[in-house]
């Protein structure tokens, strides 16, 4: 769920660069670029150019109000999925315990 993790990181630290996001989330720089472009196209984040040095352009990524709503929805879906996985694992553990008894 790269979108959720990326939105969470941007919310916590809008100063992230694409490279720092890629490193922090353990994915390729190309994947970060692709996901950021998609989120920008959907209006979930806004990309703004920052000019720190005349020869160097950096981008700042900001969650839009739509992005905040999307992050909540992604969080809810992610949580439901993880709870299902947890319940399935708990059942499997109980079955294994029964097999050992």
Protein backbone atom coordinates (compact mmCIF):
# COMPACT_ATOMS: atom_id res chain seq x y z
CA UNK A 1 0.00 0.00 0.00
CA UNK A 2 2.58 2.49 -1.22
CA UNK A 3 0.08 5.34 -1.61
CA UNK A 4 -0.90 5.18 2.07
CA UNK A 5 2.70 5.10 3.25
CA UNK A 6 3.69 7.91 0.91
CA UNK A 7 0.78 10.15 2.01
CA UNK A 8 1.61 9.45 5.64
CA UNK A 9 5.25 10.43 5.09
CA UNK A 10 4.31 13.61 3.25
CA UNK A 11 1.88 14.58 5.98
CA UNK A 12 4.57 14.13 8.62
CA UNK A 13 7.36 15.75 6.60
CA UNK A 14 6.44 17.81 3.51
CA UNK A 15 10.15 18.58 3.02
CA UNK A 16 10.81 15.03 1.77
CA UNK A 17 12.49 14.80 -1.59
CA UNK A 18 11.66 12.02 -4.03
CA UNK A 19 15.00 10.44 -3.17
CA UNK A 20 14.39 10.60 0.60
CA UNK A 21 10.90 9.13 0.12
CA UNK A 22 12.33 6.30 -1.97
CA UNK A 23 14.96 5.57 0.66
CA UNK A 24 12.57 5.84 3.59
CA UNK A 25 9.90 3.65 1.96
CA UNK A 26 12.45 1.23 0.48
CA UNK A 27 11.22 1.54 -3.12
CA UNK A 28 12.85 2.77 -6.30
CA UNK A 29 13.08 6.44 -7.18
CA UNK A 30 11.16 5.69 -10.39
CA UNK A 31 8.27 4.18 -8.43
CA UNK A 32 8.10 7.22 -6.15
CA UNK A 33 8.09 9.50 -9.18
CA UNK A 34 5.30 7.46 -10.79
CA UNK A 35 3.14 7.37 -7.64
CA UNK A 36 3.64 11.10 -6.97
CA UNK A 37 2.65 11.92 -10.54
CA UNK A 38 -0.52 9.84 -10.21
CA UNK A 39 -1.44 11.43 -6.88
CA UNK A 40 -0.83 14.88 -8.34
CA UNK A 41 -2.99 14.10 -11.39
CA UNK A 42 -5.82 12.96 -9.08
CA UNK A 43 -5.57 16.18 -7.05
CA UNK A 44 -4.58 14.32 -3.89
CA UNK A 45 -1.30 16.20 -3.55
CA UNK A 46 -0.06 19.47 -4.93
CA UNK A 47 3.51 19.84 -6.16
CA UNK A 48 5.16 23.21 -5.75
CA UNK A 49 8.57 24.28 -7.02
CA UNK A 50 10.99 25.63 -4.46
CA UNK A 51 14.03 27.51 -5.61
CA UNK A 52 16.68 27.21 -2.92
CA UNK A 53 19.58 27.88 -5.25
CA UNK A 54 19.39 29.37 -8.74
CA UNK A 55 20.84 26.22 -10.30
CA UNK A 56 18.82 23.77 -8.19
CA UNK A 57 15.05 23.28 -8.18
CA UNK A 58 13.35 21.26 -5.44
CA UNK A 59 9.73 20.25 -5.12
CA UNK A 60 7.46 20.39 -2.11
CA UNK A 61 4.52 17.99 -1.96
CA UNK A 62 1.47 19.08 0.00
CA UNK A 63 -1.65 17.06 0.78
CA UNK A 64 -4.77 18.79 -0.51
CA UNK A 65 -8.10 18.60 1.36
CA UNK A 66 -9.01 15.83 -1.09
CA UNK A 67 -5.71 14.18 -0.20
CA UNK A 68 -6.54 14.27 3.50
CA UNK A 69 -9.89 12.57 2.81
CA UNK A 70 -8.17 9.99 0.60
CA UNK A 71 -5.60 9.30 3.33
CA UNK A 72 -8.41 8.60 5.81
CA UNK A 73 -10.12 6.26 3.32
CA UNK A 74 -6.82 4.47 2.58
CA UNK A 75 -6.18 4.12 6.31
CA UNK A 76 -9.60 2.57 6.86
CA UNK A 77 -9.13 0.09 3.99
CA UNK A 78 -5.61 -0.76 5.16
CA UNK A 79 -6.81 -1.33 8.73
CA UNK A 80 -9.70 -3.57 7.59
CA UNK A 81 -7.31 -5.64 5.49
CA UNK A 82 -4.80 -6.01 8.32
CA UNK A 83 -7.57 -7.03 10.76
CA UNK A 84 -8.74 -9.73 8.31
CA UNK A 85 -5.15 -10.97 8.00
CA UNK A 86 -4.80 -10.99 11.79
CA UNK A 87 -8.04 -12.95 12.25
CA UNK A 88 -6.99 -15.50 9.63
CA UNK A 89 -3.60 -15.90 11.30
CA UNK A 90 -5.23 -16.30 14.70
CA UNK A 91 -7.47 -19.10 13.32
CA UNK A 92 -4.48 -20.82 11.77
CA UNK A 93 -2.58 -20.65 15.06
CA UNK A 94 -5.53 -22.14 16.94
CA UNK A 95 -5.77 -24.97 14.37
CA UNK A 96 -2.07 -25.69 14.74
CA UNK A 97 -2.38 -25.72 18.51
CA UNK A 98 -5.26 -28.20 18.15
CA UNK A 99 -3.11 -30.41 15.91
CA UNK A 100 -0.38 -30.49 18.57
CA UNK A 101 -2.76 -31.43 21.40
